Amino acid sequence: MFEINVIYKICPMSEWNCANEQGVYKGSKDDLRDGFIHFSSFDQVLGTLDKHFVGQNDLVLLKVETELLDPNQLKWEKSRNDEEFPHLYGELNLDAVIDVVEITNDR
């Protein structure tokens, strides 16, 4: 179900477990390299899964409530296929994660 104030992050379960231990999600290696955490809108999740996570297992999909993020750190910027993607310029506060779903990745 599409929700307007929700964005999504795909990450390995190990990364999510580490975030829970640290109390904050700092991002993947790619996020740290790029200086922001990459997210997807609902309609972009499958494309992101296909492009960046082919053959990977033990993944989770984080469902994040945008109203619980610092609005000064969340930017919608053009990226793949000239589409706007949500980017978080800061750490993800775990209280903004409203659901975590395991992904079955047979791609």
PDB file of N, CA and C in Angstrom:
ATOM      1  N   MET A   1       0.834  -1.188   0.000  1.00  0.00           N
ATOM      2  CA  MET A   1       0.000   0.000   0.000  1.00  0.00           C
ATOM      3  C   MET A   1       0.877   1.250   0.000  1.00  0.00           C
ATOM      4  N   PHE A   2       0.603   2.151  -0.893  1.00  0.00           N
ATOM      5  CA  PHE A   2       1.375   3.383  -1.049  1.00  0.00           C
ATOM      6  C   PHE A   2       1.007   4.376   0.055  1.00  0.00           C
ATOM      7  N   GLU A   3       2.023   4.903   0.704  1.00  0.00           N
ATOM      8  CA  GLU A   3       1.819   5.937   1.723  1.00  0.00           C
ATOM      9  C   GLU A   3       2.698   7.121   1.365  1.00  0.00           C
ATOM     10  N   ILE A   4       2.118   8.302   1.370  1.00  0.00           N
ATOM     11  CA  ILE A   4       2.814   9.492   0.875  1.00  0.00           C
ATOM     12  C   ILE A   4       3.993   9.933   1.746  1.00  0.00           C
ATOM     13  N   ASN A   5       3.942   9.702   3.040  1.00  0.00           N
ATOM     14  CA  ASN A   5       5.005  10.169   3.935  1.00  0.00           C
ATOM     15  C   ASN A   5       5.957   9.056   4.340  1.00  0.00           C
ATOM     16  N   VAL A   6       6.135   8.083   3.452  1.00  0.00           N
ATOM     17  CA  VAL A   6       6.995   6.943   3.747  1.00  0.00           C
ATOM     18  C   VAL A   6       8.018   6.776   2.620  1.00  0.00           C
ATOM     19  N   ILE A   7       9.263   6.500   3.010  1.00  0.00           N
ATOM     20  CA  ILE A   7      10.324   6.154   2.070  1.00  0.00           C
ATOM     21  C   ILE A   7      10.914   4.818   2.508  1.00  0.00           C
ATOM     22  N   TYR A   8      11.706   4.212   1.636  1.00  0.00           N
ATOM     23  CA  TYR A   8      12.163   2.848   1.873  1.00  0.00           C
ATOM     24  C   TYR A   8      13.673   2.726   1.686  1.00  0.00           C
ATOM     25  N   LYS A   9      14.258   1.851   2.509  1.00  0.00           N
ATOM     26  CA  LYS A   9      15.689   1.570   2.431  1.00  0.00           C
ATOM     27  C   LYS A   9      15.880   0.063   2.422  1.00  0.00           C
ATOM     28  N   ILE A  10      16.597  -0.440   1.433  1.00  0.00           N
ATOM     29  CA  ILE A  10      16.964  -1.851   1.386  1.00  0.00           C
ATOM     30  C   ILE A  10      18.367  -1.965   1.969  1.00  0.00           C
ATOM     31  N   CYS A  11      18.544  -2.911   2.884  1.00  0.00           N
ATOM     32  CA  CYS A  11      19.884  -3.131   3.426  1.00  0.00           C
ATOM     33  C   CYS A  11      20.019  -4.573   3.903  1.00  0.00           C
ATOM     34  N   PRO A  12      21.250  -5.043   4.022  1.00  0.00           N
ATOM     35  CA  PRO A  12      21.467  -6.382   4.566  1.00  0.00           C
ATOM     36  C   PRO A  12      21.017  -6.447   6.028  1.00  0.00           C
ATOM     37  N   MET A  13      20.523  -7.595   6.427  1.00  0.00           N
ATOM     38  CA  MET A  13      20.094  -7.798   7.818  1.00  0.00           C
ATOM     39  C   MET A  13      21.236  -7.487   8.782  1.00  0.00           C
ATOM     40  N   SER A  14      22.468  -7.820   8.409  1.00  0.00           N
ATOM     41  CA  SER A  14      23.617  -7.566   9.286  1.00  0.00           C
ATOM     42  C   SER A  14      23.797  -6.068   9.541  1.00  0.00           C
ATOM     43  N   GLU A  15      23.569  -5.241   8.502  1.00  0.00           N
ATOM     44  CA  GLU A  15      23.656  -3.785   8.664  1.00  0.00           C
ATOM     45  C   GLU A  15      22.574  -3.281   9.615  1.00  0.00           C
ATOM     46  N   TRP A  16      21.374  -3.819   9.461  1.00  0.00           N
ATOM     47  CA  TRP A  16      20.268  -3.418  10.314  1.00  0.00           C
ATOM     48  C   TRP A  16      20.521  -3.845  11.766  1.00  0.00           C
ATOM     49  N   ASN A  17      21.062  -5.049  11.959  1.00  0.00           N
ATOM     50  CA  ASN A  17      21.394  -5.505  13.312  1.00  0.00           C
ATOM     51  C   ASN A  17      22.443  -4.594  13.947  1.00  0.00           C
ATOM     52  N   CYS A  18      23.432  -4.195  13.170  1.00  0.00           N
ATOM     53  CA  CYS A  18      24.474  -3.282  13.656  1.00  0.00           C
ATOM     54  C   CYS A  18      23.860  -1.935  14.051  1.00  0.00           C
ATOM     55  N   ALA A  19      22.943  -1.436  13.232  1.00  0.00           N
ATOM     56  CA  ALA A  19      22.272  -0.160  13.540  1.00  0.00           C
ATOM     57  C   ALA A  19      21.524  -0.261  14.859  1.00  0.00           C
ATOM     58  N   ASN A  20      20.873  -1.378  15.093  1.00  0.00           N
ATOM     59  CA  ASN A  20      20.143  -1.554  16.349  1.00  0.00           C
ATOM     60  C   ASN A  20      21.079  -1.588  17.545  1.00  0.00           C
ATOM     61  N   GLU A  21      22.254  -2.172  17.368  1.00  0.00           N
ATOM     62  CA  GLU A  21      23.251  -2.197  18.444  1.00  0.00           C
ATOM     63  C   GLU A  21      23.788  -0.795  18.723  1.00  0.00           C
ATOM     64  N   GLN A  22      23.969   0.005  17.650  1.00  0.00           N
ATOM     65  CA  GLN A  22      24.528   1.353  17.787  1.00  0.00           C
ATOM     66  C   GLN A  22      23.471   2.399  18.137  1.00  0.00           C
ATOM     67  N   GLY A  23      22.200   2.065  17.890  1.00  0.00           N
ATOM     68  CA  GLY A  23      21.123   3.010  18.171  1.00  0.00           C
ATOM     69  C   GLY A  23      20.872   4.015  17.058  1.00  0.00           C
ATOM     70  N   VAL A  24      21.551   3.841  15.914  1.00  0.00           N
ATOM     71  CA  VAL A  24      21.398   4.737  14.764  1.00  0.00           C
ATOM     72  C   VAL A  24      21.897   4.008  13.517  1.00  0.00           C
ATOM     73  N   TYR A  25      21.273   4.311  12.373  1.00  0.00           N
ATOM     74  CA  TYR A  25      21.740   3.735  11.107  1.00  0.00           C
ATOM     75  C   TYR A  25      22.546   4.798  10.385  1.00  0.00           C
ATOM     76  N   LYS A  26      23.824   4.488  10.148  1.00  0.00           N
ATOM     77  CA  LYS A  26      24.726   5.452   9.514  1.00  0.00           C
ATOM     78  C   LYS A  26      24.805   5.279   8.010  1.00  0.00           C
ATOM     79  N   GLY A  27      24.269   4.164   7.489  1.00  0.00           N
ATOM     80  CA  GLY A  27      24.262   3.935   6.053  1.00  0.00           C
ATOM     81  C   GLY A  27      25.194   2.825   5.630  1.00  0.00           C
ATOM     82  N   SER A  28      25.052   2.448   4.367  1.00  0.00           N
ATOM     83  CA  SER A  28      25.897   1.413   3.764  1.00  0.00           C
ATOM     84  C   SER A  28      27.241   2.015   3.358  1.00  0.00           C
ATOM     85  N   LYS A  29      28.117   1.179   2.851  1.00  0.00           N
ATOM     86  CA  LYS A  29      29.403   1.678   2.330  1.00  0.00           C
ATOM     87  C   LYS A  29      29.154   2.689   1.216  1.00  0.00           C
ATOM     88  N   ASP A  30      28.197   2.401   0.336  1.00  0.00           N
ATOM     89  CA  ASP A  30      27.877   3.340  -0.746  1.00  0.00           C
ATOM     90  C   ASP A  30      27.328   4.655  -0.190  1.00  0.00           C
ATOM     91  N   ASP A  31      26.471   4.562   0.823  1.00  0.00           N
ATOM     92  CA  ASP A  31      25.926   5.770   1.438  1.00  0.00           C
ATOM     93  C   ASP A  31      27.036   6.623   2.039  1.00  0.00           C
ATOM     94  N   LEU A  32      27.938   5.967   2.772  1.00  0.00           N
ATOM     95  CA  LEU A  32      29.040   6.698   3.407  1.00  0.00           C
ATOM     96  C   LEU A  32      29.936   7.347   2.353  1.00  0.00           C
ATOM     97  N   ARG A  33      30.173   6.632   1.253  1.00  0.00           N
ATOM     98  CA  ARG A  33      30.980   7.178   0.153  1.00  0.00           C
ATOM     99  C   ARG A  33      30.308   8.402  -0.470  1.00  0.00           C
ATOM    100  N   ASP A  34      28.993   8.325  -0.659  1.00  0.00           N
ATOM    101  CA  ASP A  34      28.260   9.392  -1.346  1.00  0.00           C
ATOM    102  C   ASP A  34      27.882  10.562  -0.440  1.00  0.00           C
ATOM    103  N   GLY A  35      27.959  10.371   0.861  1.00  0.00           N
ATOM    104  CA  GLY A  35      27.669  11.463   1.794  1.00  0.00           C
ATOM    105  C   GLY A  35      26.203  11.607   2.165  1.00  0.00           C
ATOM    106  N   PHE A  36      25.391  10.620   1.801  1.00  0.00           N
ATOM    107  CA  PHE A  36      23.981  10.619   2.181  1.00  0.00           C
ATOM    108  C   PHE A  36      23.465   9.191   2.121  1.00  0.00           C
ATOM    109  N   ILE A  37      22.346   8.950   2.809  1.00  0.00           N
ATOM    110  CA  ILE A  37      21.728   7.631   2.788  1.00  0.00           C
ATOM    111  C   ILE A  37      20.728   7.594   1.637  1.00  0.00           C
ATOM    112  N   HIS A  38      20.885   6.606   0.776  1.00  0.00           N
ATOM    113  CA  HIS A  38      20.007   6.411  -0.376  1.00  0.00           C
ATOM    114  C   HIS A  38      18.701   5.758   0.067  1.00  0.00           C
ATOM    115  N   PHE A  39      17.591   6.325  -0.344  1.00  0.00           N
ATOM    116  CA  PHE A  39      16.275   5.745  -0.111  1.00  0.00           C
ATOM    117  C   PHE A  39      15.559   5.633  -1.446  1.00  0.00           C
ATOM    118  N   SER A  40      14.402   4.982  -1.423  1.00  0.00           N
ATOM    119  CA  SER A  40      13.542   4.861  -2.599  1.00  0.00           C
ATOM    120  C   SER A  40      12.119   5.202  -2.198  1.00  0.00           C
ATOM    121  N   SER A  41      11.356   5.662  -3.176  1.00  0.00           N
ATOM    122  CA  SER A  41       9.920   5.782  -2.973  1.00  0.00           C
ATOM    123  C   SER A  41       9.331   4.382  -3.163  1.00  0.00           C
ATOM    124  N   PHE A  42       8.065   4.213  -2.869  1.00  0.00           N
ATOM    125  CA  PHE A  42       7.403   2.923  -3.024  1.00  0.00           C
ATOM    126  C   PHE A  42       7.582   2.389  -4.444  1.00  0.00           C
ATOM    127  N   ASP A  43       7.372   3.241  -5.438  1.00  0.00           N
ATOM    128  CA  ASP A  43       7.446   2.825  -6.843  1.00  0.00           C
ATOM    129  C   ASP A  43       8.868   2.531  -7.316  1.00  0.00           C
ATOM    130  N   GLN A  44       9.872   2.921  -6.554  1.00  0.00           N
ATOM    131  CA  GLN A  44      11.265   2.735  -6.957  1.00  0.00           C
ATOM    132  C   GLN A  44      11.934   1.526  -6.299  1.00  0.00           C
ATOM    133  N   VAL A  45      11.263   0.909  -5.332  1.00  0.00           N
ATOM    134  CA  VAL A  45      11.891  -0.166  -4.553  1.00  0.00           C
ATOM    135  C   VAL A  45      12.330  -1.338  -5.433  1.00  0.00           C
ATOM    136  N   LEU A  46      11.474  -1.835  -6.299  1.00  0.00           N
ATOM    137  CA  LEU A  46      11.842  -2.990  -7.128  1.00  0.00           C
ATOM    138  C   LEU A  46      12.990  -2.664  -8.070  1.00  0.00           C
ATOM    139  N   GLY A  47      13.004  -1.468  -8.638  1.00  0.00           N
ATOM    140  CA  GLY A  47      14.110  -1.058  -9.501  1.00  0.00           C
ATOM    141  C   GLY A  47      15.423  -1.010  -8.740  1.00  0.00           C
ATOM    142  N   THR A  48      15.376  -0.518  -7.503  1.00  0.00           N
ATOM    143  CA  THR A  48      16.572  -0.469  -6.661  1.00  0.00           C
ATOM    144  C   THR A  48      17.040  -1.876  -6.327  1.00  0.00           C
ATOM    145  N   LEU A  49      16.111  -2.751  -6.003  1.00  0.00           N
ATOM    146  CA  LEU A  49      16.446  -4.141  -5.710  1.00  0.00           C
ATOM    147  C   LEU A  49      17.114  -4.799  -6.919  1.00  0.00           C
ATOM    148  N   ASP A  50      16.544  -4.587  -8.096  1.00  0.00           N
ATOM    149  CA  ASP A  50      17.094  -5.173  -9.328  1.00  0.00           C
ATOM    150  C   ASP A  50      18.465  -4.613  -9.682  1.00  0.00           C
ATOM    151  N   LYS A  51      18.681  -3.333  -9.451  1.00  0.00           N
ATOM    152  CA  LYS A  51      19.936  -2.689  -9.855  1.00  0.00           C
ATOM    153  C   LYS A  51      21.083  -2.949  -8.874  1.00  0.00           C
ATOM    154  N   HIS A  52      20.773  -2.956  -7.583  1.00  0.00           N
ATOM    155  CA  HIS A  52      21.859  -2.970  -6.588  1.00  0.00           C
ATOM    156  C   HIS A  52      21.952  -4.225  -5.726  1.00  0.00           C
ATOM    157  N   PHE A  53      20.948  -5.105  -5.770  1.00  0.00           N
ATOM    158  CA  PHE A  53      20.936  -6.218  -4.825  1.00  0.00           C
ATOM    159  C   PHE A  53      20.706  -7.587  -5.470  1.00  0.00           C
ATOM    160  N   VAL A  54      20.985  -7.708  -6.760  1.00  0.00           N
ATOM    161  CA  VAL A  54      20.808  -8.982  -7.462  1.00  0.00           C
ATOM    162  C   VAL A  54      21.677 -10.053  -6.806  1.00  0.00           C
ATOM    163  N   GLY A  55      21.054 -11.189  -6.518  1.00  0.00           N
ATOM    164  CA  GLY A  55      21.792 -12.314  -5.951  1.00  0.00           C
ATOM    165  C   GLY A  55      22.080 -12.211  -4.469  1.00  0.00           C
ATOM    166  N   GLN A  56      21.705 -11.108  -3.832  1.00  0.00           N
ATOM    167  CA  GLN A  56      21.951 -10.948  -2.406  1.00  0.00           C
ATOM    168  C   GLN A  56      20.753 -11.464  -1.609  1.00  0.00           C
ATOM    169  N   ASN A  57      21.052 -12.105  -0.497  1.00  0.00           N
ATOM    170  CA  ASN A  57      20.022 -12.611   0.402  1.00  0.00           C
ATOM    171  C   ASN A  57      20.170 -11.952   1.758  1.00  0.00           C
ATOM    172  N   ASP A  58      19.315 -12.322   2.676  1.00  0.00           N
ATOM    173  CA  ASP A  58      19.326 -11.756   4.030  1.00  0.00           C
ATOM    174  C   ASP A  58      19.188 -10.243   3.993  1.00  0.00           C
ATOM    175  N   LEU A  59      18.242  -9.770   3.185  1.00  0.00           N
ATOM    176  CA  LEU A  59      17.966  -8.342   3.060  1.00  0.00           C
ATOM    177  C   LEU A  59      16.699  -7.988   3.816  1.00  0.00           C
ATOM    178  N   VAL A  60      16.638  -6.733   4.243  1.00  0.00           N
ATOM    179  CA  VAL A  60      15.421  -6.202   4.842  1.00  0.00           C
ATOM    180  C   VAL A  60      15.043  -4.905   4.145  1.00  0.00           C
ATOM    181  N   LEU A  61      13.759  -4.615   4.187  1.00  0.00           N
ATOM    182  CA  LEU A  61      13.225  -3.365   3.669  1.00  0.00           C
ATOM    183  C   LEU A  61      12.778  -2.544   4.859  1.00  0.00           C
ATOM    184  N   LEU A  62      13.410  -1.385   5.036  1.00  0.00           N
ATOM    185  CA  LEU A  62      13.038  -0.474   6.118  1.00  0.00           C
ATOM    186  C   LEU A  62      11.975   0.479   5.600  1.00  0.00           C
ATOM    187  N   LYS A  63      10.899   0.582   6.314  1.00  0.00           N
ATOM    188  CA  LYS A  63       9.823   1.515   5.987  1.00  0.00           C
ATOM    189  C   LYS A  63       9.989   2.695   6.947  1.00  0.00           C
ATOM    190  N   VAL A  64      10.229   3.885   6.385  1.00  0.00           N
ATOM    191  CA  VAL A  64      10.629   5.046   7.188  1.00  0.00           C
ATOM    192  C   VAL A  64       9.605   6.170   7.037  1.00  0.00           C
ATOM    193  N   GLU A  65       9.138   6.668   8.161  1.00  0.00           N
ATOM    194  CA  GLU A  65       8.182   7.778   8.203  1.00  0.00           C
ATOM    195  C   GLU A  65       8.956   9.093   8.046  1.00  0.00           C
ATOM    196  N   THR A  66       8.725   9.796   6.940  1.00  0.00           N
ATOM    197  CA  THR A  66       9.494  11.012   6.649  1.00  0.00           C
ATOM    198  C   THR A  66       9.237  12.121   7.662  1.00  0.00           C
ATOM    199  N   GLU A  67       8.075  12.149   8.253  1.00  0.00           N
ATOM    200  CA  GLU A  67       7.765  13.208   9.226  1.00  0.00           C
ATOM    201  C   GLU A  67       8.554  13.053  10.522  1.00  0.00           C
ATOM    202  N   LEU A  68       9.205  11.895  10.704  1.00  0.00           N
ATOM    203  CA  LEU A  68      10.023  11.670  11.889  1.00  0.00           C
ATOM    204  C   LEU A  68      11.508  11.901  11.619  1.00  0.00           C
ATOM    205  N   LEU A  69      11.813  12.387  10.400  1.00  0.00           N
ATOM    206  CA  LEU A  69      13.186  12.735  10.032  1.00  0.00           C
ATOM    207  C   LEU A  69      13.381  14.240  10.116  1.00  0.00           C
ATOM    208  N   ASP A  70      14.626  14.662  10.241  1.00  0.00           N
ATOM    209  CA  ASP A  70      14.945  16.083  10.208  1.00  0.00           C
ATOM    210  C   ASP A  70      14.662  16.590   8.793  1.00  0.00           C
ATOM    211  N   PRO A  71      13.691  17.498   8.617  1.00  0.00           N
ATOM    212  CA  PRO A  71      13.332  17.950   7.272  1.00  0.00           C
ATOM    213  C   PRO A  71      14.457  18.685   6.555  1.00  0.00           C
ATOM    214  N   ASN A  72      15.407  19.203   7.310  1.00  0.00           N
ATOM    215  CA  ASN A  72      16.542  19.887   6.689  1.00  0.00           C
ATOM    216  C   ASN A  72      17.559  18.909   6.110  1.00  0.00           C
ATOM    217  N   GLN A  73      17.456  17.639   6.481  1.00  0.00           N
ATOM    218  CA  GLN A  73      18.414  16.640   6.007  1.00  0.00           C
ATOM    219  C   GLN A  73      17.871  15.773   4.879  1.00  0.00           C
ATOM    220  N   LEU A  74      16.544  15.797   4.650  1.00  0.00           N
ATOM    221  CA  LEU A  74      15.945  14.976   3.602  1.00  0.00           C
ATOM    222  C   LEU A  74      15.754  15.791   2.330  1.00  0.00           C
ATOM    223  N   LYS A  75      16.355  15.326   1.267  1.00  0.00           N
ATOM    224  CA  LYS A  75      16.286  16.015  -0.028  1.00  0.00           C
ATOM    225  C   LYS A  75      15.839  15.024  -1.097  1.00  0.00           C
ATOM    226  N   TRP A  76      14.993  15.477  -2.005  1.00  0.00           N
ATOM    227  CA  TRP A  76      14.606  14.678  -3.171  1.00  0.00           C
ATOM    228  C   TRP A  76      15.439  15.183  -4.339  1.00  0.00           C
ATOM    229  N   GLU A  77      16.292  14.293  -4.886  1.00  0.00           N
ATOM    230  CA  GLU A  77      17.239  14.707  -5.914  1.00  0.00           C
ATOM    231  C   GLU A  77      17.207  13.741  -7.095  1.00  0.00           C
ATOM    232  N   LYS A  78      17.483  14.291  -8.277  1.00  0.00           N
ATOM    233  CA  LYS A  78      17.495  13.472  -9.486  1.00  0.00           C
ATOM    234  C   LYS A  78      18.653  12.485  -9.447  1.00  0.00           C
ATOM    235  N   SER A  79      18.332  11.266  -9.877  1.00  0.00           N
ATOM    236  CA  SER A  79      19.318  10.200  -9.902  1.00  0.00           C
ATOM    237  C   SER A  79      18.994   9.282 -11.074  1.00  0.00           C
ATOM    238  N   ARG A  80      18.914   8.011 -10.850  1.00  0.00           N
ATOM    239  CA  ARG A  80      18.683   7.004 -11.890  1.00  0.00           C
ATOM    240  C   ARG A  80      17.485   7.366 -12.776  1.00  0.00           C
ATOM    241  N   ASN A  81      17.674   7.280 -14.072  1.00  0.00           N
ATOM    242  CA  ASN A  81      16.625   7.578 -15.062  1.00  0.00           C
ATOM    243  C   ASN A  81      16.023   8.968 -14.884  1.00  0.00           C
ATOM    244  N   ASP A  82      16.806   9.874 -14.336  1.00  0.00           N
ATOM    245  CA  ASP A  82      16.367  11.258 -14.116  1.00  0.00           C
ATOM    246  C   ASP A  82      15.169  11.353 -13.172  1.00  0.00           C
ATOM    247  N   GLU A  83      14.960  10.310 -12.355  1.00  0.00           N
ATOM    248  CA  GLU A  83      13.895  10.306 -11.349  1.00  0.00           C
ATOM    249  C   GLU A  83      14.411  10.940 -10.067  1.00  0.00           C
ATOM    250  N   GLU A  84      13.511  11.526  -9.299  1.00  0.00           N
ATOM    251  CA  GLU A  84      13.884  12.062  -7.996  1.00  0.00           C
ATOM    252  C   GLU A  84      13.817  10.961  -6.948  1.00  0.00           C
ATOM    253  N   PHE A  85      14.903  10.831  -6.205  1.00  0.00           N
ATOM    254  CA  PHE A  85      15.010   9.857  -5.126  1.00  0.00           C
ATOM    255  C   PHE A  85      15.223  10.595  -3.812  1.00  0.00           C
ATOM    256  N   PRO A  86      14.732  10.040  -2.716  1.00  0.00           N
ATOM    257  CA  PRO A  86      14.980  10.645  -1.406  1.00  0.00           C
ATOM    258  C   PRO A  86      16.385  10.313  -0.904  1.00  0.00           C
ATOM    259  N   HIS A  87      17.086  11.344  -0.462  1.00  0.00           N
ATOM    260  CA  HIS A  87      18.426  11.200   0.100  1.00  0.00           C
ATOM    261  C   HIS A  87      18.436  11.861   1.472  1.00  0.00           C
ATOM    262  N   LEU A  88      18.978  11.163   2.451  1.00  0.00           N
ATOM    263  CA  LEU A  88      19.059  11.698   3.807  1.00  0.00           C
ATOM    264  C   LEU A  88      20.500  12.083   4.096  1.00  0.00           C
ATOM    265  N   TYR A  89      20.730  13.367   4.295  1.00  0.00           N
ATOM    266  CA  TYR A  89      22.069  13.891   4.591  1.00  0.00           C
ATOM    267  C   TYR A  89      22.274  13.916   6.099  1.00  0.00           C
ATOM    268  N   GLY A  90      22.425  12.755   6.653  1.00  0.00           N
ATOM    269  CA  GLY A  90      22.608  12.581   8.089  1.00  0.00           C
ATOM    270  C   GLY A  90      22.303  11.136   8.438  1.00  0.00           C
ATOM    271  N   GLU A  91      22.339  10.832   9.708  1.00  0.00           N
ATOM    272  CA  GLU A  91      22.064   9.481  10.167  1.00  0.00           C
ATOM    273  C   GLU A  91      20.558   9.262  10.259  1.00  0.00           C
ATOM    274  N   LEU A  92      20.153   8.015  10.111  1.00  0.00           N
ATOM    275  CA  LEU A  92      18.747   7.655  10.239  1.00  0.00           C
ATOM    276  C   LEU A  92      18.449   7.332  11.697  1.00  0.00           C
ATOM    277  N   ASN A  93      17.593   8.148  12.301  1.00  0.00           N
ATOM    278  CA  ASN A  93      17.161   7.871  13.664  1.00  0.00           C
ATOM    279  C   ASN A  93      16.194   6.683  13.628  1.00  0.00           C
ATOM    280  N   LEU A  94      16.451   5.693  14.475  1.00  0.00           N
ATOM    281  CA  LEU A  94      15.709   4.439  14.404  1.00  0.00           C
ATOM    282  C   LEU A  94      14.234   4.582  14.738  1.00  0.00           C
ATOM    283  N   ASP A  95      13.858   5.625  15.464  1.00  0.00           N
ATOM    284  CA  ASP A  95      12.436   5.804  15.775  1.00  0.00           C
ATOM    285  C   ASP A  95      11.626   6.190  14.543  1.00  0.00           C
ATOM    286  N   ALA A  96      12.294   6.567  13.450  1.00  0.00           N
ATOM    287  CA  ALA A  96      11.598   6.886  12.204  1.00  0.00           C
ATOM    288  C   ALA A  96      11.266   5.623  11.403  1.00  0.00           C
ATOM    289  N   VAL A  97      11.885   4.494  11.772  1.00  0.00           N
ATOM    290  CA  VAL A  97      11.635   3.223  11.085  1.00  0.00           C
ATOM    291  C   VAL A  97      10.362   2.624  11.677  1.00  0.00           C
ATOM    292  N   ILE A  98       9.301   2.593  10.863  1.00  0.00           N
ATOM    293  CA  ILE A  98       8.010   2.141  11.376  1.00  0.00           C
ATOM    294  C   ILE A  98       7.714   0.681  11.053  1.00  0.00           C
ATOM    295  N   ASP A  99       8.524   0.066  10.195  1.00  0.00           N
ATOM    296  CA  ASP A  99       8.368  -1.356   9.906  1.00  0.00           C
ATOM    297  C   ASP A  99       9.641  -1.869   9.249  1.00  0.00           C
ATOM    298  N   VAL A 100       9.926  -3.140   9.497  1.00  0.00           N
ATOM    299  CA  VAL A 100      11.070  -3.821   8.896  1.00  0.00           C
ATOM    300  C   VAL A 100      10.545  -5.139   8.335  1.00  0.00           C
ATOM    301  N   VAL A 101      10.754  -5.340   7.031  1.00  0.00           N
ATOM    302  CA  VAL A 101      10.229  -6.519   6.359  1.00  0.00           C
ATOM    303  C   VAL A 101      11.384  -7.279   5.726  1.00  0.00           C
ATOM    304  N   GLU A 102      11.469  -8.576   5.989  1.00  0.00           N
ATOM    305  CA  GLU A 102      12.489  -9.404   5.329  1.00  0.00           C
ATOM    306  C   GLU A 102      12.136  -9.533   3.859  1.00  0.00           C
ATOM    307  N   ILE A 103      13.151  -9.451   3.012  1.00  0.00           N
ATOM    308  CA  ILE A 103      12.965  -9.541   1.563  1.00  0.00           C
ATOM    309  C   ILE A 103      13.389 -10.925   1.091  1.00  0.00           C
ATOM    310  N   THR A 104      12.509 -11.569   0.359  1.00  0.00           N
ATOM    311  CA  THR A 104      12.860 -12.793  -0.336  1.00  0.00           C
ATOM    312  C   THR A 104      13.343 -12.376  -1.714  1.00  0.00           C
ATOM    313  N   ASN A 105      14.622 -12.536  -1.952  1.00  0.00           N
ATOM    314  CA  ASN A 105      15.222 -12.013  -3.185  1.00  0.00           C
ATOM    315  C   ASN A 105      15.576 -13.156  -4.125  1.00  0.00           C
ATOM    316  N   ASP A 106      14.663 -13.486  -5.031  1.00  0.00           N
ATOM    317  CA  ASP A 106      14.973 -14.520  -6.017  1.00  0.00           C
ATOM    318  C   ASP A 106      15.322 -13.896  -7.357  1.00  0.00           C
ATOM    319  N   ARG A 107      15.839 -12.701  -7.346  1.00  0.00           N
ATOM    320  CA  ARG A 107      16.204 -12.013  -8.574  1.00  0.00           C
ATOM    321  C   ARG A 107      17.610 -12.386  -8.969  1.00  0.00           C
TER     322      ARG A 107
END
